[in-house]
Amino acid sequence: MSTLLRVDASVRLDGSVSRALADSAEAAWKAEHPDGVVVRRDVGQHPLPSTLWPTLVAAQLGQEPAADADRMPLADAQAIAAELSAEIRDADAVLLAVPLYNYGIAQNIKTWIDVLLIDRELGGSGQLKGRPAIFALARGGGYGPGTPKHGWDHATPYLERIFGDVYGMNIRTAAAELTLAPVTPGMEELIDASKVSEAEAHVEADKHGAVVARELIGHAA
């Protein structure tokens, strides 16, 4: 029996494309591996405390946080950090559902990553190396080659850098673009393209979920 850690970053529930793509990947994973366990961490709906990372870093440096607003009980911060590290360390696969906000990733998912990076053993000792990671990504506009905003997606390269280069995980990506076309004035002519992109992303998410499950079952056999 294997464990899938699912992390959602969208602040939306209804209408969230990243969550919907993650649903497709999770459903495919469960279909192949019904006995598998899904552990959920929803930093979109339940953000980590904004004081968590400053408190941990201040303690690591042997310093006091700069102000009361940046302070939380160190024992509480360390307990949360230990829980986050244990979740990803114990997971056989990771599913990240991350929307593009303001051309990057939002504070909620950045805080989660920053706290993980404090645990040097996760990256330095290769504890996550070779494990599968599925990215379920949503981008409101178009950011591919030839588009006006090509190169403005600073979220995907960052996620690839951390989970691919730092942690050495095997990344599979399902990404939908133009997701804001149906609700944004001036993007009406892109609605059909947005639907095609989203449909193709769901196919990819489904495929990735199934492949990862099969690989995990094969390794456990």
N, C-alpha and C. Protein backbone atom coordinates (compact mmCIF):
# COMPACT_ATOMS: atom_id res chain seq x y z
N MET A 1 0.85 -1.20 0.00
CA MET A 1 0.00 0.00 0.00
C MET A 1 0.88 1.24 0.00
N SER A 2 0.58 2.18 -0.88
CA SER A 2 1.38 3.39 -1.00
C SER A 2 0.56 4.62 -0.63
N THR A 3 1.27 5.73 -0.45
CA THR A 3 0.64 6.97 -0.02
C THR A 3 0.87 8.08 -1.03
N LEU A 4 -0.20 8.79 -1.34
CA LEU A 4 -0.14 9.96 -2.22
C LEU A 4 -0.39 11.20 -1.37
N LEU A 5 0.56 12.12 -1.37
CA LEU A 5 0.38 13.41 -0.70
C LEU A 5 -0.16 14.40 -1.71
N ARG A 6 -1.37 14.91 -1.47
CA ARG A 6 -1.96 15.91 -2.35
C ARG A 6 -1.94 17.27 -1.66
N VAL A 7 -1.36 18.25 -2.33
CA VAL A 7 -1.28 19.61 -1.81
C VAL A 7 -2.00 20.55 -2.75
N ASP A 8 -3.04 21.23 -2.25
CA ASP A 8 -3.80 22.19 -3.04
C ASP A 8 -3.45 23.61 -2.61
N ALA A 9 -3.23 24.48 -3.60
CA ALA A 9 -2.85 25.86 -3.31
C ALA A 9 -3.89 26.89 -3.71
N SER A 10 -4.89 26.50 -4.49
CA SER A 10 -5.88 27.47 -4.94
C SER A 10 -6.72 28.00 -3.79
N VAL A 11 -6.98 29.30 -3.81
CA VAL A 11 -7.85 29.90 -2.79
C VAL A 11 -9.31 29.66 -3.12
N ARG A 12 -9.57 29.10 -4.30
CA ARG A 12 -10.94 28.81 -4.73
C ARG A 12 -11.25 27.33 -4.52
N LEU A 13 -12.54 27.07 -4.32
CA LEU A 13 -13.04 25.71 -4.34
C LEU A 13 -13.82 25.51 -5.63
N ASP A 14 -15.00 26.13 -5.73
CA ASP A 14 -15.79 26.04 -6.95
C ASP A 14 -15.07 26.77 -8.08
N GLY A 15 -14.93 26.10 -9.20
CA GLY A 15 -14.33 26.72 -10.37
C GLY A 15 -12.82 26.66 -10.42
N SER A 16 -12.19 26.03 -9.45
CA SER A 16 -10.73 25.93 -9.46
C SER A 16 -10.29 24.88 -10.47
N VAL A 17 -9.55 25.30 -11.48
CA VAL A 17 -9.09 24.38 -12.50
C VAL A 17 -7.97 23.49 -11.97
N SER A 18 -7.07 24.05 -11.16
CA SER A 18 -5.99 23.24 -10.62
C SER A 18 -6.53 22.13 -9.73
N ARG A 19 -7.55 22.43 -8.94
CA ARG A 19 -8.17 21.39 -8.11
C ARG A 19 -8.84 20.33 -8.97
N ALA A 20 -9.50 20.77 -10.03
CA ALA A 20 -10.19 19.82 -10.91
C ALA A 20 -9.18 18.89 -11.59
N LEU A 21 -8.05 19.44 -12.02
CA LEU A 21 -7.01 18.60 -12.63
C LEU A 21 -6.45 17.61 -11.62
N ALA A 22 -6.24 18.08 -10.39
CA ALA A 22 -5.77 17.18 -9.35
C ALA A 22 -6.79 16.09 -9.05
N ASP A 23 -8.07 16.45 -9.12
CA ASP A 23 -9.12 15.44 -8.94
C ASP A 23 -9.00 14.34 -9.98
N SER A 24 -8.72 14.73 -11.23
CA SER A 24 -8.58 13.74 -12.30
C SER A 24 -7.39 12.83 -12.03
N ALA A 25 -6.27 13.42 -11.63
CA ALA A 25 -5.08 12.61 -11.35
C ALA A 25 -5.32 11.69 -10.16
N GLU A 26 -5.97 12.20 -9.13
CA GLU A 26 -6.23 11.38 -7.94
C GLU A 26 -7.19 10.25 -8.25
N ALA A 27 -8.23 10.55 -9.04
CA ALA A 27 -9.21 9.51 -9.39
C ALA A 27 -8.55 8.38 -10.18
N ALA A 28 -7.66 8.75 -11.10
CA ALA A 28 -6.97 7.74 -11.89
C ALA A 28 -6.02 6.92 -11.01
N TRP A 29 -5.38 7.60 -10.07
CA TRP A 29 -4.47 6.92 -9.14
C TRP A 29 -5.25 5.92 -8.28
N LYS A 30 -6.41 6.35 -7.78
CA LYS A 30 -7.23 5.48 -6.95
C LYS A 30 -7.78 4.30 -7.75
N ALA A 31 -8.14 4.55 -9.00
CA ALA A 31 -8.68 3.47 -9.83
C ALA A 31 -7.66 2.35 -10.00
N GLU A 32 -6.39 2.72 -10.13
CA GLU A 32 -5.33 1.73 -10.29
C GLU A 32 -4.88 1.15 -8.95
N HIS A 33 -5.07 1.95 -7.90
CA HIS A 33 -4.51 1.57 -6.60
C HIS A 33 -5.55 1.86 -5.51
N PRO A 34 -6.67 1.12 -5.50
CA PRO A 34 -7.77 1.42 -4.57
C PRO A 34 -7.40 1.31 -3.10
N ASP A 35 -6.37 0.58 -2.78
CA ASP A 35 -5.96 0.45 -1.38
C ASP A 35 -5.00 1.55 -0.95
N GLY A 36 -4.61 2.40 -1.88
CA GLY A 36 -3.67 3.47 -1.57
C GLY A 36 -4.29 4.53 -0.66
N VAL A 37 -3.45 5.24 0.06
CA VAL A 37 -3.88 6.27 1.00
C VAL A 37 -3.57 7.64 0.42
N VAL A 38 -4.54 8.56 0.54
CA VAL A 38 -4.35 9.94 0.10
C VAL A 38 -4.29 10.83 1.34
N VAL A 39 -3.17 11.52 1.51
CA VAL A 39 -3.00 12.49 2.58
C VAL A 39 -3.16 13.87 1.97
N ARG A 40 -4.00 14.70 2.58
CA ARG A 40 -4.31 16.01 2.00
C ARG A 40 -3.73 17.15 2.84
N ARG A 41 -3.16 18.11 2.13
CA ARG A 41 -2.69 19.35 2.75
C ARG A 41 -3.22 20.49 1.87
N ASP A 42 -4.22 21.20 2.36
CA ASP A 42 -4.85 22.27 1.58
C ASP A 42 -4.39 23.62 2.12
N VAL A 43 -3.32 24.14 1.53
CA VAL A 43 -2.80 25.42 1.98
C VAL A 43 -3.56 26.59 1.35
N GLY A 44 -4.45 26.28 0.41
CA GLY A 44 -5.30 27.32 -0.16
C GLY A 44 -6.43 27.68 0.78
N GLN A 45 -7.10 26.67 1.31
CA GLN A 45 -8.20 26.88 2.24
C GLN A 45 -7.71 27.01 3.68
N HIS A 46 -6.58 26.40 3.99
CA HIS A 46 -6.05 26.43 5.36
C HIS A 46 -4.57 26.82 5.31
N PRO A 47 -4.30 28.12 5.09
CA PRO A 47 -2.92 28.56 4.95
C PRO A 47 -2.11 28.32 6.22
N LEU A 48 -0.84 28.08 6.03
CA LEU A 48 0.08 27.99 7.15
C LEU A 48 0.24 29.38 7.77
N PRO A 49 0.54 29.46 9.06
CA PRO A 49 0.71 30.77 9.71
C PRO A 49 1.80 31.59 9.02
N SER A 50 1.53 32.86 8.81
CA SER A 50 2.51 33.72 8.16
C SER A 50 3.76 33.91 9.00
N THR A 51 3.65 33.66 10.30
CA THR A 51 4.79 33.80 11.20
C THR A 51 5.63 32.52 11.31
N LEU A 52 5.19 31.47 10.64
CA LEU A 52 5.86 30.17 10.79
C LEU A 52 7.31 30.22 10.31
N TRP A 53 7.52 30.61 9.07
CA TRP A 53 8.86 30.60 8.51
C TRP A 53 9.80 31.58 9.22
N PRO A 54 9.38 32.85 9.47
CA PRO A 54 10.28 33.75 10.19
C PRO A 54 10.69 33.23 11.56
N THR A 55 9.76 32.58 12.26
CA THR A 55 10.08 32.04 13.58
C THR A 55 11.12 30.93 13.48
N LEU A 56 10.96 30.04 12.51
CA LEU A 56 11.90 28.94 12.35
C LEU A 56 13.29 29.43 11.93
N VAL A 57 13.33 30.39 11.02
CA VAL A 57 14.61 30.90 10.55
C VAL A 57 15.32 31.68 11.65
N ALA A 58 14.57 32.48 12.40
CA ALA A 58 15.18 33.22 13.50
C ALA A 58 15.82 32.27 14.51
N ALA A 59 15.11 31.18 14.82
CA ALA A 59 15.65 30.21 15.77
C ALA A 59 16.88 29.53 15.19
N GLN A 60 16.84 29.24 13.89
CA GLN A 60 17.98 28.59 13.23
C GLN A 60 19.22 29.48 13.28
N LEU A 61 19.01 30.79 13.20
CA LEU A 61 20.11 31.74 13.22
C LEU A 61 20.49 32.18 14.64
N GLY A 62 19.74 31.69 15.62
CA GLY A 62 20.01 32.08 16.99
C GLY A 62 19.60 33.50 17.30
N GLN A 63 18.57 33.99 16.56
CA GLN A 63 18.13 35.36 16.72
C GLN A 63 16.67 35.39 17.14
N GLU A 64 16.27 36.52 17.69
CA GLU A 64 14.88 36.76 17.98
C GLU A 64 14.22 37.38 16.75
N PRO A 65 12.95 37.03 16.46
CA PRO A 65 12.25 37.69 15.37
C PRO A 65 12.23 39.20 15.56
N ALA A 66 12.13 39.93 14.46
CA ALA A 66 12.28 41.39 14.50
C ALA A 66 11.19 42.08 15.30
N ALA A 67 9.99 41.54 15.31
CA ALA A 67 8.89 42.21 15.97
C ALA A 67 7.89 41.17 16.46
N ASP A 68 7.01 41.61 17.38
CA ASP A 68 6.01 40.69 17.92
C ASP A 68 5.16 40.09 16.81
N ALA A 69 4.90 40.87 15.76
CA ALA A 69 4.06 40.39 14.67
C ALA A 69 4.69 39.22 13.93
N ASP A 70 6.02 39.06 14.07
CA ASP A 70 6.72 37.99 13.37
C ASP A 70 7.04 36.82 14.29
N ARG A 71 6.38 36.78 15.44
CA ARG A 71 6.75 35.80 16.45
C ARG A 71 5.58 34.84 16.73
N MET A 72 5.88 33.57 16.82
CA MET A 72 4.93 32.58 17.31
C MET A 72 5.71 31.64 18.21
N PRO A 73 5.07 30.90 19.08
CA PRO A 73 5.81 30.00 19.95
C PRO A 73 6.69 29.06 19.14
N LEU A 74 7.96 29.01 19.45
CA LEU A 74 8.91 28.19 18.68
C LEU A 74 8.51 26.73 18.68
N ALA A 75 8.04 26.24 19.80
CA ALA A 75 7.64 24.83 19.87
C ALA A 75 6.51 24.54 18.89
N ASP A 76 5.57 25.48 18.76
CA ASP A 76 4.47 25.31 17.80
C ASP A 76 4.99 25.30 16.38
N ALA A 77 5.90 26.22 16.08
CA ALA A 77 6.47 26.30 14.73
C ALA A 77 7.24 25.03 14.40
N GLN A 78 8.01 24.53 15.33
CA GLN A 78 8.79 23.31 15.08
C GLN A 78 7.89 22.10 14.92
N ALA A 79 6.78 22.06 15.63
CA ALA A 79 5.84 20.95 15.49
C ALA A 79 5.20 20.94 14.11
N ILE A 80 4.82 22.13 13.61
CA ILE A 80 4.24 22.21 12.27
C ILE A 80 5.26 21.81 11.23
N ALA A 81 6.48 22.31 11.37
CA ALA A 81 7.53 21.99 10.40
C ALA A 81 7.81 20.49 10.37
N ALA A 82 7.84 19.88 11.53
CA ALA A 82 8.07 18.43 11.60
C ALA A 82 6.95 17.67 10.92
N GLU A 83 5.72 18.14 11.09
CA GLU A 83 4.57 17.49 10.46
C GLU A 83 4.64 17.60 8.94
N LEU A 84 5.01 18.78 8.43
CA LEU A 84 5.11 18.98 6.99
C LEU A 84 6.21 18.10 6.39
N SER A 85 7.35 18.06 7.06
CA SER A 85 8.46 17.23 6.57
C SER A 85 8.08 15.75 6.57
N ALA A 86 7.39 15.33 7.62
CA ALA A 86 7.00 13.92 7.71
C ALA A 86 6.00 13.56 6.61
N GLU A 87 5.10 14.48 6.30
CA GLU A 87 4.09 14.20 5.26
C GLU A 87 4.75 13.90 3.92
N ILE A 88 5.70 14.73 3.53
CA ILE A 88 6.30 14.52 2.21
C ILE A 88 7.34 13.40 2.25
N ARG A 89 8.01 13.23 3.39
CA ARG A 89 8.99 12.16 3.51
C ARG A 89 8.31 10.79 3.46
N ASP A 90 7.11 10.71 4.02
CA ASP A 90 6.40 9.43 4.09
C ASP A 90 5.58 9.15 2.84
N ALA A 91 5.48 10.12 1.95
CA ALA A 91 4.66 9.95 0.75
C ALA A 91 5.45 9.21 -0.34
N ASP A 92 4.79 8.28 -0.99
CA ASP A 92 5.41 7.59 -2.12
C ASP A 92 5.31 8.40 -3.40
N ALA A 93 4.34 9.31 -3.44
CA ALA A 93 4.16 10.20 -4.59
C ALA A 93 3.53 11.49 -4.10
N VAL A 94 3.75 12.58 -4.85
CA VAL A 94 3.21 13.89 -4.47
C VAL A 94 2.42 14.45 -5.64
N LEU A 95 1.26 15.02 -5.32
CA LEU A 95 0.39 15.66 -6.30
C LEU A 95 0.23 17.12 -5.89
N LEU A 96 0.76 18.03 -6.69
CA LEU A 96 0.70 19.46 -6.38
C LEU A 96 -0.27 20.15 -7.33
N ALA A 97 -1.30 20.77 -6.76
CA ALA A 97 -2.28 21.52 -7.54
C ALA A 97 -2.04 23.00 -7.30
N VAL A 98 -1.44 23.67 -8.29
CA VAL A 98 -0.96 25.04 -8.08
C VAL A 98 -1.41 25.94 -9.23
N PRO A 99 -2.18 26.99 -8.93
CA PRO A 99 -2.54 27.97 -9.95
C PRO A 99 -1.45 29.04 -10.06
N LEU A 100 -1.39 29.69 -11.20
CA LEU A 100 -0.47 30.81 -11.41
C LEU A 100 -1.15 32.08 -10.91
N TYR A 101 -0.55 32.70 -9.90
CA TYR A 101 -1.07 33.95 -9.35
C TYR A 101 -0.04 35.06 -9.56
N ASN A 102 -0.45 36.12 -10.25
CA ASN A 102 0.45 37.26 -10.45
C ASN A 102 1.80 36.84 -11.01
N TYR A 103 1.74 35.92 -11.95
CA TYR A 103 2.91 35.42 -12.68
C TYR A 103 3.85 34.56 -11.84
N GLY A 104 3.42 34.15 -10.67
CA GLY A 104 4.25 33.30 -9.82
C GLY A 104 3.39 32.43 -8.94
N ILE A 105 3.96 31.96 -7.84
CA ILE A 105 3.19 31.17 -6.89
C ILE A 105 2.81 32.05 -5.71
N ALA A 106 1.68 31.74 -5.12
CA ALA A 106 1.17 32.55 -4.02
C ALA A 106 1.92 32.24 -2.73
N GLN A 107 1.75 33.13 -1.75
CA GLN A 107 2.45 32.99 -0.48
C GLN A 107 2.12 31.67 0.20
N ASN A 108 0.87 31.20 0.06
CA ASN A 108 0.48 29.99 0.79
C ASN A 108 1.34 28.78 0.40
N ILE A 109 1.58 28.59 -0.90
CA ILE A 109 2.39 27.45 -1.31
C ILE A 109 3.87 27.74 -1.13
N LYS A 110 4.26 29.01 -1.27
CA LYS A 110 5.67 29.39 -1.07
C LYS A 110 6.07 29.15 0.38
N THR A 111 5.18 29.45 1.33
CA THR A 111 5.50 29.20 2.74
C THR A 111 5.70 27.71 2.98
N TRP A 112 4.83 26.89 2.40
CA TRP A 112 4.96 25.44 2.54
C TRP A 112 6.32 24.97 2.04
N ILE A 113 6.72 25.45 0.86
CA ILE A 113 8.00 25.06 0.28
C ILE A 113 9.16 25.59 1.13
N ASP A 114 9.07 26.85 1.57
CA ASP A 114 10.14 27.43 2.37
C ASP A 114 10.38 26.65 3.66
N VAL A 115 9.29 26.20 4.28
CA VAL A 115 9.44 25.42 5.52
C VAL A 115 10.07 24.07 5.22
N LEU A 116 9.70 23.44 4.11
CA LEU A 116 10.32 22.17 3.74
C LEU A 116 11.82 22.35 3.51
N LEU A 117 12.20 23.47 2.89
CA LEU A 117 13.61 23.68 2.56
C LEU A 117 14.47 23.88 3.80
N ILE A 118 13.86 24.25 4.92
CA ILE A 118 14.62 24.36 6.16
C ILE A 118 15.14 23.00 6.59
N ASP A 119 14.38 21.95 6.27
CA ASP A 119 14.80 20.58 6.59
C ASP A 119 15.82 20.14 5.54
N ARG A 120 17.09 20.35 5.82
CA ARG A 120 18.15 20.10 4.85
C ARG A 120 18.24 18.63 4.45
N GLU A 121 17.79 17.74 5.31
CA GLU A 121 17.90 16.32 5.01
C GLU A 121 17.02 15.91 3.85
N LEU A 122 15.93 16.63 3.65
CA LEU A 122 15.03 16.26 2.55
C LEU A 122 15.74 16.35 1.21
N GLY A 123 16.52 17.39 1.02
CA GLY A 123 17.23 17.54 -0.24
C GLY A 123 18.66 17.02 -0.17
N GLY A 124 19.34 17.35 0.92
CA GLY A 124 20.76 17.02 1.01
C GLY A 124 21.05 15.54 1.03
N SER A 125 20.19 14.77 1.65
CA SER A 125 20.43 13.32 1.74
C SER A 125 19.70 12.53 0.67
N GLY A 126 18.99 13.22 -0.21
CA GLY A 126 18.32 12.53 -1.31
C GLY A 126 17.14 11.70 -0.90
N GLN A 127 16.46 12.07 0.18
CA GLN A 127 15.34 11.27 0.67
C GLN A 127 14.18 11.20 -0.32
N LEU A 128 14.02 12.22 -1.14
CA LEU A 128 12.90 12.25 -2.09
C LEU A 128 13.33 11.91 -3.52
N LYS A 129 14.60 11.64 -3.70
CA LYS A 129 15.12 11.40 -5.05
C LYS A 129 14.44 10.22 -5.72
N GLY A 130 13.98 10.45 -6.94
CA GLY A 130 13.36 9.40 -7.73
C GLY A 130 11.87 9.21 -7.50
N ARG A 131 11.33 9.87 -6.49
CA ARG A 131 9.89 9.72 -6.25
C ARG A 131 9.09 10.54 -7.25
N PRO A 132 7.91 10.07 -7.63
CA PRO A 132 7.11 10.80 -8.62
C PRO A 132 6.40 12.01 -8.03
N ALA A 133 6.34 13.06 -8.82
CA ALA A 133 5.58 14.25 -8.47
C ALA A 133 4.74 14.65 -9.67
N ILE A 134 3.45 14.85 -9.44
CA ILE A 134 2.54 15.28 -10.50
C ILE A 134 2.18 16.74 -10.25
N PHE A 135 2.40 17.59 -11.24
CA PHE A 135 2.00 18.99 -11.16
C PHE A 135 0.67 19.16 -11.90
N ALA A 136 -0.34 19.65 -11.19
CA ALA A 136 -1.63 20.02 -11.81
C ALA A 136 -1.68 21.54 -11.78
N LEU A 137 -1.41 22.16 -12.93
CA LEU A 137 -1.21 23.60 -12.99
C LEU A 137 -2.29 24.30 -13.80
N ALA A 138 -2.65 25.49 -13.36
CA ALA A 138 -3.63 26.30 -14.08
C ALA A 138 -3.07 27.70 -14.28
N ARG A 139 -3.18 28.16 -15.52
CA ARG A 139 -2.69 29.50 -15.85
C ARG A 139 -3.80 30.26 -16.55
N GLY A 140 -4.11 31.45 -16.04
CA GLY A 140 -5.25 32.20 -16.55
C GLY A 140 -5.09 32.68 -17.97
N GLY A 141 -3.85 32.93 -18.39
CA GLY A 141 -3.58 33.39 -19.74
C GLY A 141 -2.76 32.39 -20.52
N GLY A 142 -2.21 32.87 -21.64
CA GLY A 142 -1.35 32.04 -22.46
C GLY A 142 0.10 32.46 -22.27
N TYR A 143 0.97 31.48 -22.01
CA TYR A 143 2.37 31.79 -21.70
C TYR A 143 3.35 31.00 -22.55
N GLY A 144 2.86 30.35 -23.58
CA GLY A 144 3.72 29.55 -24.43
C GLY A 144 4.51 30.38 -25.42
N PRO A 145 5.45 29.75 -26.14
CA PRO A 145 6.23 30.46 -27.16
C PRO A 145 5.33 31.14 -28.18
N GLY A 146 5.66 32.38 -28.49
CA GLY A 146 4.90 33.15 -29.47
C GLY A 146 3.78 33.98 -28.89
N THR A 147 3.47 33.78 -27.60
CA THR A 147 2.42 34.58 -26.97
C THR A 147 3.02 35.84 -26.36
N PRO A 148 2.21 36.90 -26.19
CA PRO A 148 2.74 38.14 -25.61
C PRO A 148 3.33 37.97 -24.22
N LYS A 149 2.86 36.97 -23.46
CA LYS A 149 3.33 36.77 -22.10
C LYS A 149 4.30 35.58 -21.99
N HIS A 150 4.89 35.20 -23.10
CA HIS A 150 5.87 34.12 -23.03
C HIS A 150 7.00 34.51 -22.09
N GLY A 151 7.32 33.61 -21.15
CA GLY A 151 8.37 33.90 -20.18
C GLY A 151 7.89 34.53 -18.90
N TRP A 152 6.58 34.85 -18.85
CA TRP A 152 6.04 35.48 -17.65
C TRP A 152 5.59 34.47 -16.61
N ASP A 153 5.56 33.22 -16.95
CA ASP A 153 5.20 32.18 -15.98
C ASP A 153 6.43 31.87 -15.13
N HIS A 154 6.46 32.44 -13.93
CA HIS A 154 7.59 32.22 -13.03
C HIS A 154 7.29 31.14 -12.00
N ALA A 155 6.12 30.53 -12.09
CA ALA A 155 5.74 29.49 -11.14
C ALA A 155 6.28 28.13 -11.56
N THR A 156 6.01 27.74 -12.81
CA THR A 156 6.41 26.42 -13.27
C THR A 156 7.92 26.19 -13.18
N PRO A 157 8.75 27.12 -13.67
CA PRO A 157 10.20 26.90 -13.54
C PRO A 157 10.66 26.79 -12.09
N TYR A 158 10.03 27.54 -11.20
CA TYR A 158 10.40 27.48 -9.79
C TYR A 158 10.05 26.11 -9.20
N LEU A 159 8.83 25.64 -9.48
CA LEU A 159 8.43 24.33 -8.98
C LEU A 159 9.34 23.23 -9.52
N GLU A 160 9.70 23.34 -10.80
CA GLU A 160 10.61 22.35 -11.40
C GLU A 160 11.99 22.41 -10.76
N ARG A 161 12.43 23.62 -10.44
CA ARG A 161 13.74 23.77 -9.81
C ARG A 161 13.76 23.09 -8.44
N ILE A 162 12.73 23.35 -7.63
CA ILE A 162 12.71 22.81 -6.28
C ILE A 162 12.52 21.30 -6.28
N PHE A 163 11.45 20.84 -6.94
CA PHE A 163 11.11 19.42 -6.83
C PHE A 163 11.91 18.54 -7.80
N GLY A 164 12.34 19.13 -8.91
CA GLY A 164 13.15 18.37 -9.84
C GLY A 164 14.64 18.43 -9.53
N ASP A 165 15.17 19.66 -9.39
CA ASP A 165 16.61 19.82 -9.21
C ASP A 165 17.05 19.67 -7.76
N VAL A 166 16.33 20.28 -6.84
CA VAL A 166 16.73 20.20 -5.43
C VAL A 166 16.41 18.83 -4.85
N TYR A 167 15.17 18.36 -5.06
CA TYR A 167 14.75 17.10 -4.46
C TYR A 167 14.95 15.89 -5.36
N GLY A 168 15.20 16.12 -6.64
CA GLY A 168 15.46 15.00 -7.54
C GLY A 168 14.26 14.14 -7.83
N MET A 169 13.05 14.71 -7.74
CA MET A 169 11.85 13.93 -8.00
C MET A 169 11.58 13.84 -9.50
N ASN A 170 10.84 12.82 -9.89
CA ASN A 170 10.45 12.65 -11.29
C ASN A 170 9.13 13.37 -11.54
N ILE A 171 9.18 14.41 -12.32
CA ILE A 171 8.03 15.31 -12.48
C ILE A 171 7.23 14.98 -13.73
N ARG A 172 5.91 14.96 -13.56
CA ARG A 172 4.97 14.87 -14.66
C ARG A 172 4.01 16.04 -14.53
N THR A 173 3.70 16.69 -15.65
CA THR A 173 2.93 17.93 -15.58
C THR A 173 1.67 17.86 -16.43
N ALA A 174 0.57 18.33 -15.85
CA ALA A 174 -0.68 18.55 -16.58
C ALA A 174 -1.04 20.02 -16.37
N ALA A 175 -1.01 20.81 -17.42
CA ALA A 175 -1.22 22.26 -17.28
C ALA A 175 -2.30 22.75 -18.23
N ALA A 176 -3.22 23.53 -17.70
CA ALA A 176 -4.28 24.16 -18.49
C ALA A 176 -4.01 25.65 -18.57
N GLU A 177 -4.10 26.19 -19.77
CA GLU A 177 -3.89 27.62 -19.98
C GLU A 177 -5.18 28.31 -20.41
N LEU A 178 -5.16 29.64 -20.35
CA LEU A 178 -6.29 30.48 -20.78
C LEU A 178 -7.53 30.22 -19.92
N THR A 179 -7.34 29.81 -18.69
CA THR A 179 -8.48 29.42 -17.86
C THR A 179 -9.38 30.60 -17.49
N LEU A 180 -8.89 31.83 -17.64
CA LEU A 180 -9.71 33.00 -17.32
C LEU A 180 -10.51 33.50 -18.53
N ALA A 181 -10.30 32.88 -19.69
CA ALA A 181 -11.00 33.33 -20.89
C ALA A 181 -12.51 33.36 -20.75
N PRO A 182 -13.13 32.33 -20.15
CA PRO A 182 -14.60 32.34 -20.06
C PRO A 182 -15.18 33.43 -19.16
N VAL A 183 -14.37 34.05 -18.31
CA VAL A 183 -14.92 35.02 -17.35
C VAL A 183 -14.27 36.39 -17.46
N THR A 184 -13.42 36.59 -18.47
CA THR A 184 -12.68 37.84 -18.57
C THR A 184 -13.04 38.58 -19.85
N PRO A 185 -13.59 39.80 -19.73
CA PRO A 185 -13.89 40.60 -20.92
C PRO A 185 -12.63 40.82 -21.76
N GLY A 186 -12.79 40.67 -23.06
CA GLY A 186 -11.67 40.83 -23.97
C GLY A 186 -10.98 39.53 -24.33
N MET A 187 -11.34 38.45 -23.61
CA MET A 187 -10.73 37.15 -23.91
C MET A 187 -11.72 36.19 -24.57
N GLU A 188 -12.85 36.75 -25.02
CA GLU A 188 -13.91 35.89 -25.55
C GLU A 188 -13.43 35.01 -26.71
N GLU A 189 -12.55 35.55 -27.55
CA GLU A 189 -12.11 34.78 -28.72
C GLU A 189 -11.19 33.61 -28.34
N LEU A 190 -10.80 33.58 -27.08
CA LEU A 190 -9.91 32.51 -26.62
C LEU A 190 -10.64 31.43 -25.84
N ILE A 191 -11.96 31.57 -25.72
CA ILE A 191 -12.72 30.60 -24.92
C ILE A 191 -12.59 29.19 -25.47
N ASP A 192 -12.73 29.04 -26.79
CA ASP A 192 -12.63 27.70 -27.37
C ASP A 192 -11.25 27.11 -27.12
N ALA A 193 -10.22 27.93 -27.27
CA ALA A 193 -8.86 27.44 -27.03
C ALA A 193 -8.67 27.05 -25.57
N SER A 194 -9.30 27.80 -24.68
CA SER A 194 -9.19 27.47 -23.24
C SER A 194 -9.83 26.13 -22.94
N LYS A 195 -10.96 25.85 -23.58
CA LYS A 195 -11.64 24.58 -23.37
C LYS A 195 -10.80 23.41 -23.88
N VAL A 196 -10.14 23.62 -25.02
CA VAL A 196 -9.27 22.58 -25.57
C VAL A 196 -8.10 22.33 -24.64
N SER A 197 -7.48 23.42 -24.15
CA SER A 197 -6.34 23.28 -23.25
C SER A 197 -6.73 22.56 -21.97
N GLU A 198 -7.87 22.91 -21.42
CA GLU A 198 -8.30 22.27 -20.18
C GLU A 198 -8.62 20.79 -20.39
N ALA A 199 -9.29 20.50 -21.50
CA ALA A 199 -9.61 19.09 -21.79
C ALA A 199 -8.34 18.26 -21.96
N GLU A 200 -7.36 18.81 -22.67
CA GLU A 200 -6.10 18.10 -22.87
C GLU A 200 -5.36 17.92 -21.54
N ALA A 201 -5.44 18.93 -20.67
CA ALA A 201 -4.78 18.83 -19.37
C ALA A 201 -5.41 17.73 -18.52
N HIS A 202 -6.73 17.58 -18.60
CA HIS A 202 -7.38 16.51 -17.85
C HIS A 202 -6.94 15.13 -18.35
N VAL A 203 -6.77 15.01 -19.65
CA VAL A 203 -6.27 13.75 -20.20
C VAL A 203 -4.88 13.45 -19.65
N GLU A 204 -4.03 14.48 -19.62
CA GLU A 204 -2.68 14.31 -19.10
C GLU A 204 -2.71 13.96 -17.61
N ALA A 205 -3.54 14.66 -16.85
CA ALA A 205 -3.64 14.40 -15.41
C ALA A 205 -4.08 12.96 -15.15
N ASP A 206 -5.07 12.52 -15.89
CA ASP A 206 -5.56 11.15 -15.77
C ASP A 206 -4.45 10.15 -16.07
N LYS A 207 -3.72 10.42 -17.15
CA LYS A 207 -2.63 9.51 -17.55
C LYS A 207 -1.54 9.48 -16.49
N HIS A 208 -1.16 10.65 -15.98
CA HIS A 208 -0.10 10.70 -14.98
C HIS A 208 -0.50 9.96 -13.69
N GLY A 209 -1.74 10.17 -13.27
CA GLY A 209 -2.20 9.49 -12.06
C GLY A 209 -2.16 7.98 -12.20
N ALA A 210 -2.59 7.49 -13.35
CA ALA A 210 -2.60 6.04 -13.59
C ALA A 210 -1.19 5.48 -13.68
N VAL A 211 -0.31 6.17 -14.40
CA VAL A 211 1.06 5.69 -14.58
C VAL A 211 1.80 5.64 -13.25
N VAL A 212 1.65 6.69 -12.44
CA VAL A 212 2.33 6.73 -11.16
C VAL A 212 1.83 5.59 -10.26
N ALA A 213 0.54 5.35 -10.26
CA ALA A 213 -0.01 4.26 -9.45
C ALA A 213 0.55 2.92 -9.89
N ARG A 214 0.61 2.69 -11.20
CA ARG A 214 1.13 1.42 -11.70
C ARG A 214 2.60 1.24 -11.33
N GLU A 215 3.35 2.32 -11.41
CA GLU A 215 4.76 2.25 -11.06
C GLU A 215 4.93 1.90 -9.58
N LEU A 216 4.12 2.51 -8.73
CA LEU A 216 4.22 2.24 -7.30
C LEU A 216 3.83 0.80 -6.98
N ILE A 217 2.78 0.33 -7.62
CA ILE A 217 2.37 -1.06 -7.40
C ILE A 217 3.45 -2.01 -7.86
N GLY A 218 4.07 -1.68 -9.00
CA GLY A 218 5.15 -2.52 -9.52
C GLY A 218 6.33 -2.57 -8.58
N HIS A 219 6.67 -1.45 -7.98
CA HIS A 219 7.81 -1.41 -7.06
C HIS A 219 7.51 -2.18 -5.78
N ALA A 220 6.22 -2.16 -5.38
CA ALA A 220 5.85 -2.84 -4.15
C ALA A 220 5.72 -4.35 -4.33
N ALA A 221 5.54 -4.76 -5.57
CA ALA A 221 5.32 -6.19 -5.83
C ALA A 221 6.59 -7.02 -5.58
